[in-house]
Protein backbone atom coordinates (compact mmCIF):
# COMPACT_ATOMS: atom_id res chain seq x y z
CA MET A 1 -14.56 2.49 -5.58
CA LEU A 2 -17.37 4.96 -6.10
CA ARG A 3 -19.96 4.27 -8.78
CA VAL A 4 -20.35 6.82 -11.57
CA SER A 5 -24.14 6.50 -11.27
CA ASP A 6 -23.97 7.53 -7.60
CA ILE A 7 -21.72 10.49 -8.42
CA ASN A 8 -24.10 11.58 -11.17
CA GLU A 9 -27.10 11.45 -8.84
CA ASN A 10 -25.49 12.79 -5.64
CA ILE A 11 -22.44 14.81 -6.61
CA ASP A 12 -23.08 17.64 -4.13
CA ASN A 13 -23.78 15.34 -1.18
CA ILE A 14 -20.77 13.15 -1.99
CA SER A 15 -18.54 16.23 -2.21
CA LEU A 16 -19.85 17.46 1.13
CA LEU A 17 -19.30 14.16 2.92
CA LEU A 18 -15.82 13.73 1.41
CA SER A 19 -14.93 17.17 2.76
CA LYS A 20 -14.93 15.46 6.19
CA ARG A 21 -11.66 13.93 5.02
CA ASN A 22 -10.35 17.47 4.53
CA ILE A 23 -10.22 17.10 0.77
CA ASP A 24 -12.02 18.95 -2.02
CA VAL A 25 -12.97 16.53 -4.79
CA LYS A 26 -15.72 18.49 -6.53
CA ASP A 27 -13.59 19.30 -9.59
CA LYS A 28 -12.43 15.69 -9.84
CA LEU A 29 -16.01 14.43 -9.63
CA VAL A 30 -17.05 16.84 -12.38
CA GLU A 31 -14.14 15.56 -14.50
CA ILE A 32 -15.26 11.97 -13.89
CA LEU A 33 -18.75 12.76 -15.15
CA LYS A 34 -17.30 14.56 -18.18
CA ILE A 35 -15.06 11.61 -19.08
CA ASP A 36 -17.90 9.15 -18.53
CA LYS A 37 -20.13 11.15 -20.88
CA SER A 38 -17.39 11.09 -23.50
CA ARG A 39 -16.83 7.36 -22.93
CA ARG A 40 -20.53 6.58 -23.37
CA SER A 41 -20.67 8.69 -26.56
CA ILE A 42 -17.70 6.82 -28.03
CA GLN A 43 -19.22 3.50 -26.96
CA SER A 44 -22.48 4.39 -28.68
CA GLU A 45 -20.68 5.37 -31.89
CA LEU A 46 -18.58 2.20 -31.79
CA ASP A 47 -21.67 0.07 -31.23
CA GLY A 48 -23.21 1.68 -34.32
CA VAL A 49 -20.15 0.96 -36.45
CA LEU A 50 -19.97 -2.65 -35.21
CA ALA A 51 -23.68 -3.14 -35.85
CA GLU A 52 -23.28 -1.81 -39.39
CA SER A 53 -20.25 -4.10 -39.94
CA ASN A 54 -22.23 -7.12 -38.75
CA LYS A 55 -25.14 -6.20 -40.99
CA LEU A 56 -22.84 -5.83 -44.00
CA ALA A 57 -21.16 -9.16 -43.25
CA LYS A 58 -24.54 -10.90 -43.30
CA GLU A 59 -25.54 -9.19 -46.54
CA ILE A 60 -22.20 -10.07 -48.17
CA GLY A 61 -22.64 -13.70 -47.17
CA ASP A 62 -26.15 -13.79 -48.59
CA LEU A 63 -25.02 -12.19 -51.87
CA PHE A 64 -22.22 -14.71 -52.36
CA LYS A 65 -24.64 -17.55 -51.69
CA SER A 66 -27.05 -16.22 -54.31
CA GLY A 67 -24.27 -15.80 -56.86
CA GLN A 68 -24.17 -12.00 -56.80
CA ALA A 69 -20.39 -11.74 -56.40
CA GLU A 70 -20.12 -8.26 -57.94
CA LYS A 71 -22.56 -6.72 -55.48
CA ALA A 72 -20.87 -8.62 -52.65
CA SER A 73 -17.48 -7.16 -53.64
CA ILE A 74 -18.87 -3.60 -53.51
CA LEU A 75 -20.20 -4.20 -49.98
CA LYS A 76 -16.86 -5.76 -48.96
CA GLU A 77 -15.12 -2.50 -49.86
CA LYS A 78 -17.63 -0.59 -47.76
CA ALA A 79 -17.15 -3.00 -44.84
CA SER A 80 -13.36 -2.66 -45.14
CA SER A 81 -13.65 1.12 -44.87
CA LEU A 82 -15.34 0.70 -41.47
CA LYS A 83 -12.39 -1.21 -39.95
CA PRO A 84 -10.07 1.81 -39.44
CA LYS A 85 -12.95 3.73 -37.86
CA SER A 86 -13.77 0.82 -35.57
CA LYS A 87 -10.12 0.51 -34.50
CA SER A 88 -9.82 4.23 -33.84
CA LEU A 89 -13.00 4.28 -31.75
CA SER A 90 -11.88 1.20 -29.79
CA GLU A 91 -8.57 2.89 -28.94
CA LYS A 92 -10.36 6.08 -27.87
CA LEU A 93 -12.78 4.04 -25.75
CA SER A 94 -9.92 2.19 -24.06
CA SER A 95 -8.12 5.47 -23.35
CA GLU A 96 -11.20 7.14 -21.85
CA SER A 97 -12.03 4.04 -19.79
CA GLU A 98 -8.50 4.00 -18.33
CA ARG A 99 -8.69 7.70 -17.51
CA LEU A 100 -12.03 7.15 -15.80
CA LYS A 101 -10.77 4.16 -13.81
CA SER A 102 -7.63 6.02 -12.74
CA LEU A 103 -9.66 8.94 -11.38
CA LEU A 104 -12.15 6.67 -9.60
CA LEU A 105 -9.37 4.64 -7.95
CA ASP A 106 -7.89 7.84 -6.56
CA ILE A 107 -11.02 8.86 -4.64
CA PRO A 108 -11.53 7.46 -1.10
CA ASN A 109 -14.78 6.10 0.24
CA VAL A 110 -17.55 8.49 1.24
CA PRO A 111 -17.69 8.84 5.06
CA ASN A 112 -20.86 7.92 6.89
CA LYS A 113 -22.75 10.89 8.32
CA LEU A 114 -21.76 9.67 11.82
CA VAL A 115 -18.07 10.27 11.10
CA PRO A 116 -16.89 13.27 13.17
CA THR A 117 -15.23 16.20 11.47
CA GLY A 118 -11.53 16.40 12.27
CA SER A 119 -8.03 16.37 10.85
CA SER A 120 -6.08 13.90 13.04
CA GLU A 121 -6.35 11.24 15.76
CA GLU A 122 -6.76 13.99 18.35
CA ASP A 123 -10.21 14.64 16.85
CA ASN A 124 -11.45 11.05 17.17
CA LEU A 125 -14.56 10.68 19.33
CA GLU A 126 -14.42 8.45 22.41
CA ILE A 127 -17.76 6.62 22.64
CA PHE A 128 -17.03 3.94 25.25
CA LYS A 129 -14.54 3.15 28.00
CA ASN A 130 -14.30 0.13 30.30
CA GLY A 131 -11.97 -1.50 32.81
CA ASN A 132 -9.75 -0.30 35.60
CA ILE A 133 -6.31 1.07 34.87
CA PRO A 134 -3.87 -0.78 37.16
CA ASP A 135 -1.86 1.23 39.66
CA LEU A 136 1.64 -0.10 39.13
CA ASN A 137 4.46 0.39 41.61
CA THR A 138 7.39 2.67 40.91
CA THR A 139 9.59 -0.22 39.78
CA ALA A 140 7.21 -1.21 36.97
CA LEU A 141 8.89 -1.81 33.62
CA PRO A 142 7.80 -1.30 29.99
CA HIS A 143 7.24 -4.49 28.03
CA TRP A 144 10.58 -4.41 26.16
CA GLU A 145 12.44 -4.49 29.50
CA LEU A 146 10.12 -7.20 30.85
CA ALA A 147 10.77 -9.21 27.68
CA SER A 148 14.49 -9.10 28.37
CA LYS A 149 14.14 -9.72 32.13
CA TYR A 150 12.10 -12.91 31.62
CA ASP A 151 13.77 -13.94 28.31
CA ILE A 152 10.49 -14.17 26.37
CA ILE A 153 11.02 -11.78 23.41
CA ASP A 154 14.36 -11.01 21.78
CA PHE A 155 14.40 -7.84 19.71
CA ASP A 156 18.16 -7.92 19.08
CA LEU A 157 18.01 -11.47 17.72
CA GLY A 158 15.21 -10.47 15.34
CA ASN A 159 17.30 -7.52 14.23
CA LYS A 160 20.22 -9.88 13.56
CA ILE A 161 18.10 -12.31 11.52
CA THR A 162 16.08 -9.77 9.54
CA GLY A 163 16.11 -6.22 10.88
CA ALA A 164 14.27 -3.92 13.26
CA GLY A 165 10.58 -4.71 13.66
CA PHE A 166 10.93 -8.51 13.42
CA PRO A 167 11.11 -9.82 17.02
CA VAL A 168 11.81 -13.42 18.05
CA TYR A 169 9.38 -14.83 20.63
CA LYS A 170 10.96 -17.32 23.02
CA ASN A 171 9.95 -19.74 25.77
CA LYS A 172 6.74 -18.60 27.47
CA GLY A 173 6.61 -15.59 25.15
CA ALA A 174 6.14 -17.94 22.17
CA LYS A 175 3.56 -19.95 24.11
CA LEU A 176 1.67 -16.77 24.99
CA GLN A 177 1.56 -15.85 21.29
CA ARG A 178 0.18 -19.26 20.34
CA ALA A 179 -2.29 -19.17 23.23
CA LEU A 180 -3.68 -15.81 22.14
CA ILE A 181 -4.08 -16.92 18.51
CA ASN A 182 -6.00 -20.04 19.58
CA TYR A 183 -8.07 -18.08 22.08
CA PHE A 184 -9.06 -15.43 19.54
CA ILE A 185 -9.94 -18.04 16.89
CA ASP A 186 -12.03 -19.99 19.42
CA LYS A 187 -13.89 -16.84 20.53
CA ASN A 188 -14.63 -15.97 16.91
CA THR A 189 -15.83 -19.44 15.90
CA GLU A 190 -18.02 -19.61 19.01
CA ALA A 191 -19.62 -16.37 17.78
CA GLY A 192 -20.48 -17.94 14.42
CA TYR A 193 -17.46 -17.06 12.31
CA LYS A 194 -16.14 -19.90 10.16
CA GLU A 195 -12.40 -20.44 10.37
CA ILE A 196 -10.46 -20.31 7.11
CA GLN A 197 -6.75 -20.47 6.29
CA VAL A 198 -5.62 -18.34 3.36
CA PRO A 199 -2.39 -17.54 1.46
CA ILE A 200 -0.28 -14.69 2.82
CA LEU A 201 0.91 -13.72 -0.66
CA ILE A 202 -1.56 -11.73 -2.74
CA ASN A 203 -1.60 -10.71 -6.38
CA GLU A 204 -2.21 -7.24 -7.75
CA ASP A 205 -5.89 -7.87 -8.44
CA SER A 206 -6.44 -8.79 -4.79
CA GLY A 207 -4.73 -5.61 -3.62
CA MET A 208 -6.88 -3.57 -5.99
CA GLY A 209 -10.03 -5.40 -4.95
CA THR A 210 -9.89 -4.45 -1.28
CA GLY A 211 -8.32 -1.03 -1.84
CA GLN A 212 -4.73 -1.49 -0.69
CA LEU A 213 -3.65 -0.70 -4.24
CA PRO A 214 -2.91 1.87 -5.40
CA ASP A 215 -3.45 3.71 -2.08
CA LYS A 216 -0.97 1.80 0.13
CA GLU A 217 1.41 0.40 -2.45
CA GLY A 218 4.45 1.87 -0.69
CA GLN A 219 3.44 0.32 2.65
CA MET A 220 3.36 -3.27 1.38
CA TYR A 221 6.31 -5.59 0.80
CA HIS A 222 6.51 -6.28 -2.92
CA ILE A 223 8.05 -9.40 -4.49
CA THR A 224 9.02 -7.86 -7.80
CA ASN A 225 9.98 -11.00 -9.75
CA ASP A 226 6.50 -12.49 -9.32
CA ASN A 227 4.59 -9.22 -8.85
CA LEU A 228 3.14 -10.48 -5.57
CA TYR A 229 2.69 -8.70 -2.24
CA LEU A 230 2.95 -9.90 1.34
CA ALA A 231 -0.53 -9.50 2.83
CA PRO A 232 -0.81 -6.53 5.23
CA THR A 233 -3.86 -8.15 6.86
CA ALA A 234 -5.99 -11.29 6.43
CA GLU A 235 -8.80 -8.99 5.27
CA VAL A 236 -7.23 -8.92 1.81
CA PRO A 237 -7.02 -12.64 0.93
CA VAL A 238 -10.22 -13.51 2.83
CA THR A 239 -12.39 -10.84 1.17
CA ASN A 240 -10.91 -11.62 -2.25
CA ILE A 241 -12.30 -15.15 -2.03
CA TYR A 242 -15.49 -13.51 -3.28
CA ARG A 243 -13.97 -11.38 -6.05
CA ASP A 244 -15.97 -11.73 -9.30
CA SER A 245 -18.72 -13.56 -7.44
CA ILE A 246 -22.50 -13.51 -7.29
CA ILE A 247 -23.79 -14.67 -3.92
CA LYS A 248 -27.34 -15.83 -3.38
CA SER A 249 -29.16 -13.79 -0.75
CA SER A 250 -29.91 -17.04 1.11
CA GLU A 251 -26.16 -17.50 1.72
CA LEU A 252 -25.88 -14.26 3.70
CA PRO A 253 -24.53 -13.25 6.07
CA ILE A 254 -21.09 -14.66 5.40
CA ARG A 255 -18.87 -14.54 8.50
CA LEU A 256 -15.25 -15.69 8.34
CA THR A 257 -12.25 -15.58 10.66
CA SER A 258 -8.62 -16.19 9.81
CA TYR A 259 -5.22 -16.06 11.47
CA THR A 260 -2.26 -14.83 9.42
CA PRO A 261 1.07 -13.18 9.99
CA CYS A 262 0.85 -9.65 8.61
CA PHE A 263 3.57 -7.59 6.92
CA ARG A 264 3.80 -3.79 6.75
CA ARG A 265 6.75 -1.64 5.81
CA GLU A 266 5.58 1.17 8.13
CA ALA A 267 7.81 3.54 6.18
CA GLY A 268 8.66 6.70 8.11
CA SER A 269 7.88 5.22 11.55
CA TYR A 270 10.65 6.13 13.98
CA GLY A 271 11.07 7.22 17.58
CA ALA A 272 10.21 6.09 21.11
CA HIS A 273 6.51 5.67 20.31
CA VAL A 274 7.30 2.69 18.08
CA ARG A 275 9.62 0.95 20.53
CA GLY A 276 9.31 -2.76 21.32
CA LEU A 277 6.02 -4.26 20.17
CA ASN A 278 4.34 -0.91 19.61
CA ARG A 279 4.91 -1.05 15.85
CA LEU A 280 6.31 -3.99 13.90
CA HIS A 281 6.98 -4.95 10.29
CA GLN A 282 5.77 -8.52 10.92
CA PHE A 283 3.07 -9.36 13.44
CA ASP A 284 0.31 -11.88 14.06
CA LYS A 285 -3.35 -11.00 13.79
CA VAL A 286 -6.71 -12.77 13.83
CA GLU A 287 -9.28 -11.12 11.56
CA ILE A 288 -13.04 -11.26 11.19
CA VAL A 289 -14.70 -10.51 7.83
CA ARG A 290 -18.38 -10.18 7.00
CA ILE A 291 -20.37 -9.90 3.78
CA GLU A 292 -23.85 -8.51 4.34
CA GLN A 293 -27.02 -7.26 2.74
CA PRO A 294 -26.78 -3.43 2.65
CA GLU A 295 -29.73 -3.01 5.01
CA ASN A 296 -28.04 -5.21 7.63
CA SER A 297 -24.46 -3.98 7.51
CA TYR A 298 -24.62 -1.37 10.27
CA SER A 299 -26.27 -3.72 12.75
CA ALA A 300 -23.51 -6.19 11.78
CA LEU A 301 -20.93 -3.50 12.51
CA GLU A 302 -22.36 -3.02 16.01
CA GLU A 303 -22.28 -6.81 16.55
CA MET A 304 -18.60 -6.84 15.62
CA VAL A 305 -17.86 -3.99 18.02
CA ASP A 306 -19.67 -5.80 20.84
CA HIS A 307 -17.78 -8.99 20.01
CA VAL A 308 -14.37 -7.31 20.37
CA LYS A 309 -15.54 -5.64 23.58
CA GLY A 310 -16.38 -9.06 25.00
CA ILE A 311 -12.89 -10.40 24.27
CA LEU A 312 -11.18 -7.42 25.91
CA ASP A 313 -13.50 -7.73 28.92
CA GLU A 314 -12.46 -11.38 29.33
CA LEU A 315 -8.78 -10.42 29.09
CA GLU A 316 -9.36 -7.90 31.90
CA LEU A 317 -7.68 -5.11 29.93
CA PRO A 318 -8.79 -1.48 30.28
CA TYR A 319 -9.91 -0.22 26.88
CA ARG A 320 -11.80 2.48 25.05
CA VAL A 321 -13.62 2.66 21.72
CA LEU A 322 -13.14 5.60 19.36
CA ARG A 323 -15.17 6.63 16.35
CA LEU A 324 -12.60 7.84 13.86
CA CYS A 325 -12.86 11.35 12.47
CA GLY A 326 -12.72 12.11 8.77
CA GLY A 327 -9.03 13.01 8.82
CA ASP A 328 -8.06 9.69 10.45
CA LEU A 329 -10.44 7.46 8.49
CA GLY A 330 -8.90 4.78 6.27
CA PHE A 331 -9.11 5.20 2.50
CA THR A 332 -11.66 2.41 2.01
CA SER A 333 -13.83 2.90 5.11
CA CYS A 334 -17.21 4.55 5.55
CA LEU A 335 -17.15 4.25 9.34
CA THR A 336 -14.45 2.86 11.64
CA TYR A 337 -14.28 2.13 15.36
CA ASP A 338 -10.81 1.83 16.85
CA PHE A 339 -10.16 -0.07 20.08
CA GLU A 340 -7.33 1.13 22.30
CA VAL A 341 -5.97 -0.66 25.36
CA TYR A 342 -4.24 1.28 28.12
CA SER A 343 -0.56 0.48 28.62
CA ALA A 344 0.03 1.13 32.32
CA ALA A 345 3.83 1.10 32.18
CA GLN A 346 4.00 3.40 29.13
CA LYS A 347 1.05 5.45 30.42
CA LYS A 348 -0.67 5.70 27.05
CA TRP A 349 -3.39 4.16 24.90
CA LEU A 350 -2.36 1.66 22.22
CA GLU A 351 -4.57 0.75 19.24
CA VAL A 352 -5.32 -2.98 19.11
CA SER A 353 -8.24 -3.23 16.68
CA SER A 354 -10.11 -1.42 13.92
CA VAL A 355 -13.64 -2.47 13.00
CA SER A 356 -14.95 -0.98 9.76
CA ASN A 357 -17.87 -0.92 7.35
CA PHE A 358 -16.87 -0.33 3.73
CA GLU A 359 -20.45 -0.43 2.38
CA THR A 360 -20.19 -1.05 -1.42
CA PHE A 361 -16.72 0.49 -1.88
CA GLN A 362 -14.80 -2.80 -1.90
CA ALA A 363 -17.65 -4.77 -3.48
CA ASN A 364 -17.66 -2.45 -6.51
CA ARG A 365 -13.92 -3.04 -7.00
CA LEU A 366 -14.34 -6.77 -6.39
CA LYS A 367 -17.46 -7.11 -8.57
CA LEU A 368 -19.06 -8.82 -5.59
CA ARG A 369 -22.82 -8.93 -6.02
CA ILE A 370 -25.87 -10.38 -4.33
CA ASP A 371 -28.56 -12.22 -6.27
CA ASN A 372 -31.87 -11.20 -4.71
CA ASN A 373 -34.24 -13.51 -6.61
CA GLY A 374 -32.86 -12.42 -9.96
CA THR A 375 -32.07 -8.81 -9.06
CA LYS A 376 -28.33 -8.13 -8.70
CA SER A 377 -26.94 -5.58 -6.24
CA LEU A 378 -23.57 -4.85 -4.66
CA ALA A 379 -22.87 -6.40 -1.27
CA HIS A 380 -21.58 -4.57 1.81
CA THR A 381 -18.24 -5.74 3.23
CA LEU A 382 -16.93 -5.32 6.78
CA ASN A 383 -13.84 -6.39 8.66
CA GLY A 384 -12.22 -6.09 12.07
CA SER A 385 -9.14 -7.10 14.04
CA SER A 386 -10.13 -9.72 16.57
CA LEU A 387 -7.41 -9.19 17.56
CA ALA A 388 -3.93 -7.95 16.63
CA LEU A 389 -1.40 -9.54 18.96
CA PRO A 390 1.63 -7.27 19.53
CA ARG A 391 0.04 -4.52 21.61
CA ILE A 392 -2.25 -6.99 23.39
CA VAL A 393 0.91 -8.86 24.45
CA ALA A 394 2.58 -5.57 25.43
CA CYS A 395 -0.37 -4.57 27.61
CA ILE A 396 -0.69 -8.01 29.24
CA LEU A 397 3.03 -7.96 30.11
CA GLU A 398 2.86 -4.43 31.51
CA ASN A 399 -0.54 -4.39 33.19
CA PHE A 400 -0.25 -7.81 34.84
CA GLN A 401 3.29 -7.44 36.12
CA THR A 402 4.18 -7.82 39.78
CA GLU A 403 7.55 -7.27 41.38
CA ASN A 404 8.75 -10.79 40.50
CA SER A 405 6.45 -12.13 37.79
CA ILE A 406 3.83 -11.48 35.13
CA LYS A 407 0.42 -12.96 35.85
CA ILE A 408 -1.60 -14.50 33.00
CA PRO A 409 -5.24 -13.36 32.57
CA GLN A 410 -7.63 -16.04 33.81
CA ALA A 411 -9.23 -16.46 30.37
CA LEU A 412 -5.87 -17.54 28.89
CA ILE A 413 -4.62 -20.02 31.48
CA ASN A 414 -6.26 -23.02 29.79
CA TYR A 415 -4.50 -21.97 26.58
CA THR A 416 -1.05 -21.17 28.00
CA GLY A 417 -0.88 -24.03 30.47
CA PHE A 418 0.77 -21.72 33.03
CA GLU A 419 -0.47 -18.98 35.36
CA GLU A 420 2.55 -16.71 35.38
CA ILE A 421 5.83 -15.87 33.75
């Protein structure tokens, strides 16, 4: 969430940078400043009334103690007359504060100056590419047909149990899933991330804190009786560990990794491009989260990008890194790098990771601050997929297929316990 003080000081620059998202927020920013001015005026008036009430209460007490009941009664009438005014001002203050919060929650994060201008994924900027795209024979199959051929993933059974987008992993398919989770966690902990296991149900405050609410409310599964949500990513519960927290500067950086199943409604997603594992309602993902000093967050972002590169290099998968344009940038992000792996059988790139810096946007919502020897400031938060499993599995199945088997990448053999399917 943007800070009113930043808007007040940099309204033109903020409007310009937000235009990279193809939105015009200048009028809304002006309205925010107008409401904040009104809110502060009401607050000042209310503070004056409350101060006068407190002063009168002390005087009344002193008069009663000194036996001057008549004078005390006169002041009590005056104090009573202030109560309706105090109540009215409190209600106005609450109303203006809610209006202000509602407008602020509706504005996305300000893009970094490095974010390219653009309106869709076609305008994302490729900044890195690595690995050789395999030359498959003419009998090569897409992963959903390989899954059926080798009896490792059953989409129909998942549809029977729950519905489309909830596959059942079987036999060596289940072992491959477990192997990848363990491999990703081990790679992350070796890089200095501390493993943590978190709930996969989140409350409304957690969704608000990291920015999924109100922006993505319709994309999350909602348990109405308890007003809880199924976590769309481990980023949400992990980052919310530090909601309403003050962290000593000596504790930074904080680096955490967590495996969770993730749940997304993916409303409106239909067609061949979402077939098989390409887009699911439930999937497994290993996440990395960092909390940093503001001056260190962009070097941390580059470290995270290099870390994910190293994992994909070890898996021998051809991949590219994209810097997302303004029109494709997530609501909470300042700067995002997407990783895409090439699916040889489908002949297209599939997104497998997003690595983002949110700067102070989440921290302001979370009230997550750093104590720098007595001076408090908002932290910077970052997160990345390291990695999401479904499309990694799809690309391993497709890219490593032979006429009669699917080879396992060398880096995974110690985890799977087998060399081929």
